[in-house]
Amino acid sequence: MGVPVAEEVSGSEWPSDHAPSADLRTDVPHSARMYDYYLGGKDNFAADREAAEKVLQIFPDVAVGARANRRFLGRAVRFAAGMGIRQYVDIGTGIPTAENTHEVAQSVASDSRVVYVDNDPIVLTHARALLAGTPEGRTAYLDADFRDHERILSAPETSALIDFKQPVALLTVALLHFIPDADDPGAILEHYKAAMPPGSVMIFSHATTDLVDDSEESRAVVRAYTGAGVGLTPRSRDRITEFFAGWDLVEPGVVPVTEWRPDGNPDDAALKASQAGAFGGVAIKPA
């Protein structure tokens, strides 16, 4: 579990007395940095690149799938913003890249507020980029693990920006497949869902083997992650759908991320479902 590292921030101001967590391990692969490598980023280390390349050798489409997942996030955030959502809790945000949650949300409504949560210390080194919101909007970063729901929901960083009496967008995008069944990710997610008021939106995506033709290829990818010390648990569409239990799925439901309300992007149109490698969905908490 992490510890809080940032105060609530307005605009691009940043408290200078905060330093990155001391437990940054550049010799051990981290899922967020591997994802950054797939996206073409530069905020990764040799261990991350080595592990990612092993995965790419088995499943070359993982990189285009990662980019498709990122585009899904953007479309889903625009949908939430169009519904009038003005506050977001983005857990497992990863290293900043193009169209971060606050950039998308604030492009629709400049007063949107975003709390980012991640447990990779290197993300903190990019907090200035993450926290450069609009003057009207506010963003904050919390160094914490998804499993620590009590602290995330009650942290000062969260309380300063999020009013749980008003609808909230909860984002767990490309996250829960890194939480093993032994930790019961569904039960953990239910704590977050219970804290959200009616009208809230859940934006969710998850790796799957259902879309891959070669089951041995899928098992090899899991072994590559596990061998690098990064647990990976792809789940079926039925199991992924269960994560939305009690909330109303919006059309088109749980679908390959490229097929969730496509906006005409040619890269998405060119991808097969098997290349997407993940299902995505958005749901609304009923009254």
C-alpha atoms as a PDB file:
ATOM      1  CA  MET A   1       0.000   0.000   0.000  1.00  0.00           C
ATOM      2  CA  GLY A   2       1.116   3.527  -0.600  1.00  0.00           C
ATOM      3  CA  VAL A   3       1.048   6.612   1.540  1.00  0.00           C
ATOM      4  CA  PRO A   4      -0.401  10.035   0.701  1.00  0.00           C
ATOM      5  CA  VAL A   5       2.078  12.195  -1.144  1.00  0.00           C
ATOM      6  CA  ALA A   6       0.166  15.223  -2.369  1.00  0.00           C
ATOM      7  CA  GLU A   7      -2.115  17.881  -1.068  1.00  0.00           C
ATOM      8  CA  GLU A   8      -5.123  19.100  -3.030  1.00  0.00           C
ATOM      9  CA  VAL A   9      -3.839  21.272  -5.808  1.00  0.00           C
ATOM     10  CA  SER A  10      -5.394  24.087  -7.782  1.00  0.00           C
ATOM     11  CA  GLY A  11      -4.167  24.651 -11.327  1.00  0.00           C
ATOM     12  CA  SER A  12      -0.522  23.684 -11.669  1.00  0.00           C
ATOM     13  CA  GLU A  13       0.723  24.623  -8.226  1.00  0.00           C
ATOM     14  CA  TRP A  14       2.687  21.903  -6.458  1.00  0.00           C
ATOM     15  CA  PRO A  15       3.949  21.679  -2.866  1.00  0.00           C
ATOM     16  CA  SER A  16       7.741  21.614  -3.030  1.00  0.00           C
ATOM     17  CA  ASP A  17       8.260  19.707   0.217  1.00  0.00           C
ATOM     18  CA  HIS A  18       6.888  16.455  -1.232  1.00  0.00           C
ATOM     19  CA  ALA A  19       9.265  13.861  -2.647  1.00  0.00           C
ATOM     20  CA  PRO A  20       8.648  10.626  -4.522  1.00  0.00           C
ATOM     21  CA  SER A  21       8.105   7.502  -2.478  1.00  0.00           C
ATOM     22  CA  ALA A  22      11.315   5.832  -1.429  1.00  0.00           C
ATOM     23  CA  ASP A  23      10.285   2.383  -2.642  1.00  0.00           C
ATOM     24  CA  LEU A  24      10.717   3.053  -6.382  1.00  0.00           C
ATOM     25  CA  ARG A  25      12.281  -0.092  -7.873  1.00  0.00           C
ATOM     26  CA  THR A  26      13.635   0.451 -11.348  1.00  0.00           C
ATOM     27  CA  ASP A  27      14.986  -3.115 -11.527  1.00  0.00           C
ATOM     28  CA  VAL A  28      11.535  -4.702 -11.159  1.00  0.00           C
ATOM     29  CA  PRO A  29       8.885  -4.424 -13.903  1.00  0.00           C
ATOM     30  CA  HIS A  30       5.711  -2.527 -13.072  1.00  0.00           C
ATOM     31  CA  SER A  31       2.464  -2.847 -15.002  1.00  0.00           C
ATOM     32  CA  ALA A  32       2.037   0.938 -15.353  1.00  0.00           C
ATOM     33  CA  ARG A  33       5.497   1.340 -16.863  1.00  0.00           C
ATOM     34  CA  MET A  34       4.988  -1.639 -19.182  1.00  0.00           C
ATOM     35  CA  TYR A  35       1.745   0.006 -20.304  1.00  0.00           C
ATOM     36  CA  ASP A  36       3.654   3.245 -20.875  1.00  0.00           C
ATOM     37  CA  TYR A  37       6.067   1.321 -23.104  1.00  0.00           C
ATOM     38  CA  TYR A  38       3.188  -0.168 -25.118  1.00  0.00           C
ATOM     39  CA  LEU A  39       1.828   3.355 -25.623  1.00  0.00           C
ATOM     40  CA  GLY A  40       5.194   4.513 -26.957  1.00  0.00           C
ATOM     41  CA  GLY A  41       6.125   6.443 -23.828  1.00  0.00           C
ATOM     42  CA  LYS A  42       9.605   7.016 -22.450  1.00  0.00           C
ATOM     43  CA  ASP A  43       8.865   6.745 -18.738  1.00  0.00           C
ATOM     44  CA  ASN A  44       9.992   3.158 -18.316  1.00  0.00           C
ATOM     45  CA  PHE A  45      13.132   1.282 -17.389  1.00  0.00           C
ATOM     46  CA  ALA A  46      15.130  -1.617 -18.801  1.00  0.00           C
ATOM     47  CA  ALA A  47      13.264  -4.150 -16.660  1.00  0.00           C
ATOM     48  CA  ASP A  48       9.917  -2.831 -17.913  1.00  0.00           C
ATOM     49  CA  ARG A  49      11.029  -2.857 -21.534  1.00  0.00           C
ATOM     50  CA  GLU A  50      12.431  -6.379 -21.264  1.00  0.00           C
ATOM     51  CA  ALA A  51       9.211  -7.724 -19.754  1.00  0.00           C
ATOM     52  CA  ALA A  52       7.057  -5.828 -22.264  1.00  0.00           C
ATOM     53  CA  GLU A  53       9.095  -7.093 -25.206  1.00  0.00           C
ATOM     54  CA  LYS A  54       8.579 -10.684 -24.058  1.00  0.00           C
ATOM     55  CA  VAL A  55       4.830 -10.071 -24.099  1.00  0.00           C
ATOM     56  CA  LEU A  56       5.029  -8.376 -27.506  1.00  0.00           C
ATOM     57  CA  GLN A  57       6.887 -11.366 -28.939  1.00  0.00           C
ATOM     58  CA  ILE A  58       3.967 -13.573 -27.941  1.00  0.00           C
ATOM     59  CA  PHE A  59       1.118 -11.165 -28.647  1.00  0.00           C
ATOM     60  CA  PRO A  60       2.286  -8.263 -30.858  1.00  0.00           C
ATOM     61  CA  ASP A  61      -1.163  -6.684 -30.770  1.00  0.00           C
ATOM     62  CA  VAL A  62      -0.893  -5.823 -27.082  1.00  0.00           C
ATOM     63  CA  ALA A  63       0.455  -2.379 -28.028  1.00  0.00           C
ATOM     64  CA  VAL A  64      -2.399  -1.498 -30.386  1.00  0.00           C
ATOM     65  CA  GLY A  65      -4.816  -2.906 -27.802  1.00  0.00           C
ATOM     66  CA  ALA A  66      -3.367  -0.601 -25.156  1.00  0.00           C
ATOM     67  CA  ARG A  67      -3.859   2.408 -27.393  1.00  0.00           C
ATOM     68  CA  ALA A  68      -7.429   1.320 -28.172  1.00  0.00           C
ATOM     69  CA  ASN A  69      -8.094   1.044 -24.446  1.00  0.00           C
ATOM     70  CA  ARG A  70      -6.841   4.595 -23.989  1.00  0.00           C
ATOM     71  CA  ARG A  71      -9.192   5.858 -26.666  1.00  0.00           C
ATOM     72  CA  PHE A  72     -12.054   4.035 -24.946  1.00  0.00           C
ATOM     73  CA  LEU A  73     -11.230   5.964 -21.761  1.00  0.00           C
ATOM     74  CA  GLY A  74     -11.482   9.246 -23.634  1.00  0.00           C
ATOM     75  CA  ARG A  75     -14.856   8.426 -25.181  1.00  0.00           C
ATOM     76  CA  ALA A  76     -16.242   7.189 -21.866  1.00  0.00           C
ATOM     77  CA  VAL A  77     -15.091  10.311 -19.994  1.00  0.00           C
ATOM     78  CA  ARG A  78     -16.709  12.494 -22.656  1.00  0.00           C
ATOM     79  CA  PHE A  79     -19.909  10.512 -22.186  1.00  0.00           C
ATOM     80  CA  ALA A  80     -19.794  11.092 -18.414  1.00  0.00           C
ATOM     81  CA  ALA A  81     -19.048  14.779 -18.888  1.00  0.00           C
ATOM     82  CA  GLY A  82     -21.955  15.025 -21.308  1.00  0.00           C
ATOM     83  CA  MET A  83     -24.193  13.620 -18.566  1.00  0.00           C
ATOM     84  CA  GLY A  84     -23.154  16.482 -16.322  1.00  0.00           C
ATOM     85  CA  ILE A  85     -20.560  14.630 -14.231  1.00  0.00           C
ATOM     86  CA  ARG A  86     -18.034  17.112 -12.876  1.00  0.00           C
ATOM     87  CA  GLN A  87     -16.006  14.967 -10.457  1.00  0.00           C
ATOM     88  CA  TYR A  88     -13.895  11.905 -11.187  1.00  0.00           C
ATOM     89  CA  VAL A  89     -11.960   9.309  -9.187  1.00  0.00           C
ATOM     90  CA  ASP A  90      -9.475   7.619 -11.520  1.00  0.00           C
ATOM     91  CA  ILE A  91      -7.845   4.585  -9.852  1.00  0.00           C
ATOM     92  CA  GLY A  92      -4.836   3.045 -11.569  1.00  0.00           C
ATOM     93  CA  THR A  93      -4.323   6.142 -13.674  1.00  0.00           C
ATOM     94  CA  GLY A  94      -0.799   5.234 -14.796  1.00  0.00           C
ATOM     95  CA  ILE A  95       1.873   7.502 -16.206  1.00  0.00           C
ATOM     96  CA  PRO A  96       0.564  10.645 -17.934  1.00  0.00           C
ATOM     97  CA  THR A  97       0.060  10.345 -21.674  1.00  0.00           C
ATOM     98  CA  ALA A  98      -2.184  11.990 -24.226  1.00  0.00           C
ATOM     99  CA  GLU A  99      -5.759  12.813 -23.209  1.00  0.00           C
ATOM    100  CA  ASN A 100      -5.550  12.190 -19.479  1.00  0.00           C
ATOM    101  CA  THR A 101      -8.862  12.074 -17.642  1.00  0.00           C
ATOM    102  CA  HIS A 102      -8.713  15.669 -16.436  1.00  0.00           C
ATOM    103  CA  GLU A 103      -7.785  16.949 -19.902  1.00  0.00           C
ATOM    104  CA  VAL A 104     -10.749  15.199 -21.503  1.00  0.00           C
ATOM    105  CA  ALA A 105     -13.203  16.127 -18.744  1.00  0.00           C
ATOM    106  CA  GLN A 106     -12.069  19.746 -18.538  1.00  0.00           C
ATOM    107  CA  SER A 107     -12.234  20.117 -22.309  1.00  0.00           C
ATOM    108  CA  VAL A 108     -15.981  19.559 -21.910  1.00  0.00           C
ATOM    109  CA  ALA A 109     -16.446  21.360 -18.575  1.00  0.00           C
ATOM    110  CA  SER A 110     -13.540  23.427 -17.299  1.00  0.00           C
ATOM    111  CA  ASP A 111     -14.649  23.123 -13.658  1.00  0.00           C
ATOM    112  CA  SER A 112     -14.271  19.323 -13.601  1.00  0.00           C
ATOM    113  CA  ARG A 113     -12.355  17.922 -10.630  1.00  0.00           C
ATOM    114  CA  VAL A 114     -10.215  14.770 -10.764  1.00  0.00           C
ATOM    115  CA  VAL A 115      -8.505  12.670  -8.097  1.00  0.00           C
ATOM    116  CA  TYR A 116      -5.888  10.369  -9.577  1.00  0.00           C
ATOM    117  CA  VAL A 117      -4.840   7.252  -7.664  1.00  0.00           C
ATOM    118  CA  ASP A 118      -1.895   4.986  -8.461  1.00  0.00           C
ATOM    119  CA  ASN A 119       0.640   2.934  -6.537  1.00  0.00           C
ATOM    120  CA  ASP A 120       3.675   3.390  -8.791  1.00  0.00           C
ATOM    121  CA  PRO A 121       6.035   5.991  -7.304  1.00  0.00           C
ATOM    122  CA  ILE A 122       7.279   7.090 -10.724  1.00  0.00           C
ATOM    123  CA  VAL A 123       3.835   8.511 -11.458  1.00  0.00           C
ATOM    124  CA  LEU A 124       4.544  11.087  -8.762  1.00  0.00           C
ATOM    125  CA  THR A 125       7.545  12.320 -10.705  1.00  0.00           C
ATOM    126  CA  HIS A 126       5.086  13.388 -13.374  1.00  0.00           C
ATOM    127  CA  ALA A 127       2.572  14.896 -10.982  1.00  0.00           C
ATOM    128  CA  ARG A 128       3.144  18.377 -12.366  1.00  0.00           C
ATOM    129  CA  ALA A 129       1.890  17.185 -15.732  1.00  0.00           C
ATOM    130  CA  LEU A 130      -1.016  15.330 -14.164  1.00  0.00           C
ATOM    131  CA  LEU A 131      -2.007  18.267 -12.012  1.00  0.00           C
ATOM    132  CA  ALA A 132      -1.891  20.985 -14.656  1.00  0.00           C
ATOM    133  CA  GLY A 133      -5.644  21.404 -14.838  1.00  0.00           C
ATOM    134  CA  THR A 134      -7.703  24.401 -15.828  1.00  0.00           C
ATOM    135  CA  PRO A 135      -7.862  27.372 -13.454  1.00  0.00           C
ATOM    136  CA  GLU A 136     -11.508  26.523 -12.751  1.00  0.00           C
ATOM    137  CA  GLY A 137     -10.937  22.798 -12.306  1.00  0.00           C
ATOM    138  CA  ARG A 138      -8.859  21.057  -9.701  1.00  0.00           C
ATOM    139  CA  THR A 139      -6.840  17.856  -9.680  1.00  0.00           C
ATOM    140  CA  ALA A 140      -4.971  15.883  -7.028  1.00  0.00           C
ATOM    141  CA  TYR A 141      -2.861  12.758  -6.869  1.00  0.00           C
ATOM    142  CA  LEU A 142      -3.007  10.031  -4.229  1.00  0.00           C
ATOM    143  CA  ASP A 143      -0.284   7.374  -3.941  1.00  0.00           C
ATOM    144  CA  ALA A 144      -2.313   4.338  -2.917  1.00  0.00           C
ATOM    145  CA  ASP A 145      -3.384   0.820  -3.879  1.00  0.00           C
ATOM    146  CA  PHE A 146      -6.852  -0.041  -5.196  1.00  0.00           C
ATOM    147  CA  ARG A 147      -7.242  -2.535  -2.355  1.00  0.00           C
ATOM    148  CA  ASP A 148      -7.014   0.230   0.249  1.00  0.00           C
ATOM    149  CA  HIS A 149     -10.527   1.493  -0.429  1.00  0.00           C
ATOM    150  CA  GLU A 150     -11.097   2.941   3.035  1.00  0.00           C
ATOM    151  CA  ARG A 151      -8.148   5.308   2.789  1.00  0.00           C
ATOM    152  CA  ILE A 152      -8.732   6.252  -0.829  1.00  0.00           C
ATOM    153  CA  LEU A 153     -12.352   7.179  -0.200  1.00  0.00           C
ATOM    154  CA  SER A 154     -11.611   9.140   2.986  1.00  0.00           C
ATOM    155  CA  ALA A 155      -8.215  10.674   2.169  1.00  0.00           C
ATOM    156  CA  PRO A 156      -7.899  14.468   2.505  1.00  0.00           C
ATOM    157  CA  GLU A 157      -7.016  14.632  -1.200  1.00  0.00           C
ATOM    158  CA  THR A 158     -10.303  12.957  -2.028  1.00  0.00           C
ATOM    159  CA  SER A 159     -12.412  14.857   0.482  1.00  0.00           C
ATOM    160  CA  ALA A 160     -11.093  18.184  -0.768  1.00  0.00           C
ATOM    161  CA  LEU A 161     -12.268  17.579  -4.328  1.00  0.00           C
ATOM    162  CA  ILE A 162     -15.046  14.992  -4.276  1.00  0.00           C
ATOM    163  CA  ASP A 163     -18.538  15.559  -2.898  1.00  0.00           C
ATOM    164  CA  PHE A 164     -20.085  12.122  -2.517  1.00  0.00           C
ATOM    165  CA  LYS A 165     -23.516  13.685  -2.307  1.00  0.00           C
ATOM    166  CA  GLN A 166     -23.234  14.498  -6.005  1.00  0.00           C
ATOM    167  CA  PRO A 167     -22.680  12.037  -8.889  1.00  0.00           C
ATOM    168  CA  VAL A 168     -19.123  10.851  -9.371  1.00  0.00           C
ATOM    169  CA  ALA A 169     -17.406   9.068 -12.242  1.00  0.00           C
ATOM    170  CA  LEU A 170     -15.408   6.092 -10.945  1.00  0.00           C
ATOM    171  CA  LEU A 171     -12.718   4.878 -13.348  1.00  0.00           C
ATOM    172  CA  THR A 172     -11.024   1.492 -13.076  1.00  0.00           C
ATOM    173  CA  VAL A 173      -9.647   1.222 -16.584  1.00  0.00           C
ATOM    174  CA  ALA A 174      -7.273  -1.668 -17.383  1.00  0.00           C
ATOM    175  CA  LEU A 175      -6.805  -2.235 -13.657  1.00  0.00           C
ATOM    176  CA  LEU A 176      -8.640  -5.204 -12.186  1.00  0.00           C
ATOM    177  CA  HIS A 177      -6.870  -7.785 -14.332  1.00  0.00           C
ATOM    178  CA  PHE A 178      -3.851  -7.022 -12.143  1.00  0.00           C
ATOM    179  CA  ILE A 179      -5.831  -7.972  -9.028  1.00  0.00           C
ATOM    180  CA  PRO A 180      -5.854 -11.758  -8.477  1.00  0.00           C
ATOM    181  CA  ASP A 181      -8.962 -13.734  -7.610  1.00  0.00           C
ATOM    182  CA  ALA A 182      -7.445 -14.427  -4.193  1.00  0.00           C
ATOM    183  CA  ASP A 183      -7.861 -10.717  -3.377  1.00  0.00           C
ATOM    184  CA  ASP A 184     -11.523 -10.769  -4.508  1.00  0.00           C
ATOM    185  CA  PRO A 185     -11.460  -7.664  -6.713  1.00  0.00           C
ATOM    186  CA  GLY A 186     -15.235  -7.734  -7.077  1.00  0.00           C
ATOM    187  CA  ALA A 187     -15.727  -7.359  -3.325  1.00  0.00           C
ATOM    188  CA  ILE A 188     -13.232  -4.485  -3.231  1.00  0.00           C
ATOM    189  CA  LEU A 189     -14.971  -2.770  -6.123  1.00  0.00           C
ATOM    190  CA  GLU A 190     -18.287  -3.035  -4.295  1.00  0.00           C
ATOM    191  CA  HIS A 191     -16.929  -0.765  -1.534  1.00  0.00           C
ATOM    192  CA  TYR A 192     -16.301   1.956  -4.118  1.00  0.00           C
ATOM    193  CA  LYS A 193     -19.673   1.398  -5.796  1.00  0.00           C
ATOM    194  CA  ALA A 194     -21.447   1.654  -2.436  1.00  0.00           C
ATOM    195  CA  ALA A 195     -19.808   5.033  -1.750  1.00  0.00           C
ATOM    196  CA  MET A 196     -21.105   6.524  -4.999  1.00  0.00           C
ATOM    197  CA  PRO A 197     -24.484   8.330  -4.976  1.00  0.00           C
ATOM    198  CA  PRO A 198     -27.227   7.566  -7.518  1.00  0.00           C
ATOM    199  CA  GLY A 199     -26.474   8.959 -10.947  1.00  0.00           C
ATOM    200  CA  SER A 200     -22.783   8.108 -10.637  1.00  0.00           C
ATOM    201  CA  VAL A 201     -20.981   6.502 -13.562  1.00  0.00           C
ATOM    202  CA  MET A 202     -18.550   3.588 -13.573  1.00  0.00           C
ATOM    203  CA  ILE A 203     -16.049   3.424 -16.442  1.00  0.00           C
ATOM    204  CA  PHE A 204     -14.423   0.013 -16.607  1.00  0.00           C
ATOM    205  CA  SER A 205     -12.221  -2.059 -18.900  1.00  0.00           C
ATOM    206  CA  HIS A 206     -10.555  -5.410 -18.383  1.00  0.00           C
ATOM    207  CA  ALA A 207      -8.278  -7.790 -20.289  1.00  0.00           C
ATOM    208  CA  THR A 208      -9.889 -10.984 -21.553  1.00  0.00           C
ATOM    209  CA  THR A 209      -9.029 -14.229 -23.277  1.00  0.00           C
ATOM    210  CA  ASP A 210     -12.475 -14.457 -24.869  1.00  0.00           C
ATOM    211  CA  LEU A 211     -11.416 -12.366 -27.837  1.00  0.00           C
ATOM    212  CA  VAL A 212      -8.185 -14.239 -28.572  1.00  0.00           C
ATOM    213  CA  ASP A 213      -8.285 -17.125 -31.026  1.00  0.00           C
ATOM    214  CA  ASP A 214      -5.273 -19.009 -29.670  1.00  0.00           C
ATOM    215  CA  SER A 215      -5.769 -20.074 -26.047  1.00  0.00           C
ATOM    216  CA  GLU A 216      -2.147 -21.173 -25.735  1.00  0.00           C
ATOM    217  CA  GLU A 217      -1.080 -17.698 -26.825  1.00  0.00           C
ATOM    218  CA  SER A 218      -3.179 -16.254 -24.005  1.00  0.00           C
ATOM    219  CA  ARG A 219      -1.637 -18.596 -21.464  1.00  0.00           C
ATOM    220  CA  ALA A 220       1.834 -17.662 -22.722  1.00  0.00           C
ATOM    221  CA  VAL A 221       1.093 -13.959 -22.191  1.00  0.00           C
ATOM    222  CA  VAL A 222      -0.030 -14.661 -18.618  1.00  0.00           C
ATOM    223  CA  ARG A 223       3.153 -16.679 -18.022  1.00  0.00           C
ATOM    224  CA  ALA A 224       5.264 -13.822 -19.399  1.00  0.00           C
ATOM    225  CA  TYR A 225       3.690 -11.352 -16.974  1.00  0.00           C
ATOM    226  CA  THR A 226       3.911 -13.783 -14.068  1.00  0.00           C
ATOM    227  CA  GLY A 227       7.523 -14.577 -14.880  1.00  0.00           C
ATOM    228  CA  ALA A 228       8.299 -10.868 -14.682  1.00  0.00           C
ATOM    229  CA  GLY A 229       6.660 -10.654 -11.267  1.00  0.00           C
ATOM    230  CA  VAL A 230       3.508  -8.921 -12.547  1.00  0.00           C
ATOM    231  CA  GLY A 231       0.384 -10.948 -11.890  1.00  0.00           C
ATOM    232  CA  LEU A 232      -2.183 -10.930 -14.722  1.00  0.00           C
ATOM    233  CA  THR A 233      -5.682 -12.431 -14.498  1.00  0.00           C
ATOM    234  CA  PRO A 234      -7.674 -12.076 -17.726  1.00  0.00           C
ATOM    235  CA  ARG A 235     -11.367 -12.785 -17.192  1.00  0.00           C
ATOM    236  CA  SER A 236     -14.304 -13.821 -19.342  1.00  0.00           C
ATOM    237  CA  ARG A 237     -16.990 -11.460 -20.608  1.00  0.00           C
ATOM    238  CA  ASP A 238     -19.487 -13.008 -18.185  1.00  0.00           C
ATOM    239  CA  ARG A 239     -17.148 -12.442 -15.251  1.00  0.00           C
ATOM    240  CA  ILE A 240     -16.383  -8.888 -16.352  1.00  0.00           C
ATOM    241  CA  THR A 241     -20.095  -8.175 -16.658  1.00  0.00           C
ATOM    242  CA  GLU A 242     -20.532  -9.259 -13.036  1.00  0.00           C
ATOM    243  CA  PHE A 243     -18.399  -6.310 -11.922  1.00  0.00           C
ATOM    244  CA  PHE A 244     -21.250  -4.026 -13.045  1.00  0.00           C
ATOM    245  CA  ALA A 245     -23.825  -5.823 -10.889  1.00  0.00           C
ATOM    246  CA  GLY A 246     -26.517  -3.519  -9.483  1.00  0.00           C
ATOM    247  CA  TRP A 247     -25.768  -0.707 -11.936  1.00  0.00           C
ATOM    248  CA  ASP A 248     -27.445  -0.047 -15.280  1.00  0.00           C
ATOM    249  CA  LEU A 249     -25.193  -0.710 -18.251  1.00  0.00           C
ATOM    250  CA  VAL A 250     -25.482   1.884 -20.978  1.00  0.00           C
ATOM    251  CA  GLU A 251     -25.625   0.795 -24.606  1.00  0.00           C
ATOM    252  CA  PRO A 252     -23.899  -1.068 -26.138  1.00  0.00           C
ATOM    253  CA  GLY A 253     -23.122  -2.911 -22.879  1.00  0.00           C
ATOM    254  CA  VAL A 254     -19.898  -4.853 -22.284  1.00  0.00           C
ATOM    255  CA  VAL A 255     -18.124  -4.982 -25.643  1.00  0.00           C
ATOM    256  CA  PRO A 256     -14.576  -4.932 -27.056  1.00  0.00           C
ATOM    257  CA  VAL A 257     -13.170  -1.524 -26.198  1.00  0.00           C
ATOM    258  CA  THR A 258     -13.012  -0.578 -29.876  1.00  0.00           C
ATOM    259  CA  GLU A 259     -16.763  -1.143 -30.182  1.00  0.00           C
ATOM    260  CA  TRP A 260     -17.895   0.999 -27.260  1.00  0.00           C
ATOM    261  CA  ARG A 261     -19.553   4.008 -28.895  1.00  0.00           C
ATOM    262  CA  PRO A 262     -16.944   4.394 -31.652  1.00  0.00           C
ATOM    263  CA  ASP A 263     -16.393   7.928 -32.852  1.00  0.00           C
ATOM    264  CA  GLY A 264     -15.050   7.184 -36.311  1.00  0.00           C
ATOM    265  CA  ASN A 265     -11.402   6.900 -35.308  1.00  0.00           C
ATOM    266  CA  PRO A 266      -9.761   5.011 -38.204  1.00  0.00           C
ATOM    267  CA  ASP A 267      -7.403   3.125 -35.890  1.00  0.00           C
ATOM    268  CA  ASP A 268     -10.339   1.659 -33.992  1.00  0.00           C
ATOM    269  CA  ALA A 269     -12.194   0.881 -37.194  1.00  0.00           C
ATOM    270  CA  ALA A 270      -9.174  -1.036 -38.510  1.00  0.00           C
ATOM    271  CA  LEU A 271      -8.795  -3.227 -35.420  1.00  0.00           C
ATOM    272  CA  LYS A 272     -10.292  -6.660 -35.028  1.00  0.00           C
ATOM    273  CA  ALA A 273     -11.889  -7.524 -31.677  1.00  0.00           C
ATOM    274  CA  SER A 274      -9.049 -10.000 -31.074  1.00  0.00           C
ATOM    275  CA  GLN A 275      -6.548  -7.144 -31.313  1.00  0.00           C
ATOM    276  CA  ALA A 276      -8.422  -5.075 -28.745  1.00  0.00           C
ATOM    277  CA  GLY A 277      -7.882  -7.801 -26.159  1.00  0.00           C
ATOM    278  CA  ALA A 278     -10.171  -6.161 -23.611  1.00  0.00           C
ATOM    279  CA  PHE A 279     -13.822  -5.550 -22.888  1.00  0.00           C
ATOM    280  CA  GLY A 280     -15.078  -2.174 -21.777  1.00  0.00           C
ATOM    281  CA  GLY A 281     -18.326  -0.825 -20.441  1.00  0.00           C
ATOM    282  CA  VAL A 282     -19.978   2.088 -18.703  1.00  0.00           C
ATOM    283  CA  ALA A 283     -22.771   1.851 -16.146  1.00  0.00           C
ATOM    284  CA  ILE A 284     -24.923   4.267 -14.150  1.00  0.00           C
ATOM    285  CA  LYS A 285     -25.918   3.778 -10.531  1.00  0.00           C
ATOM    286  CA  PRO A 286     -29.715   3.717 -10.307  1.00  0.00           C
ATOM    287  CA  ALA A 287     -31.715   5.712  -7.782  1.00  0.00           C
END
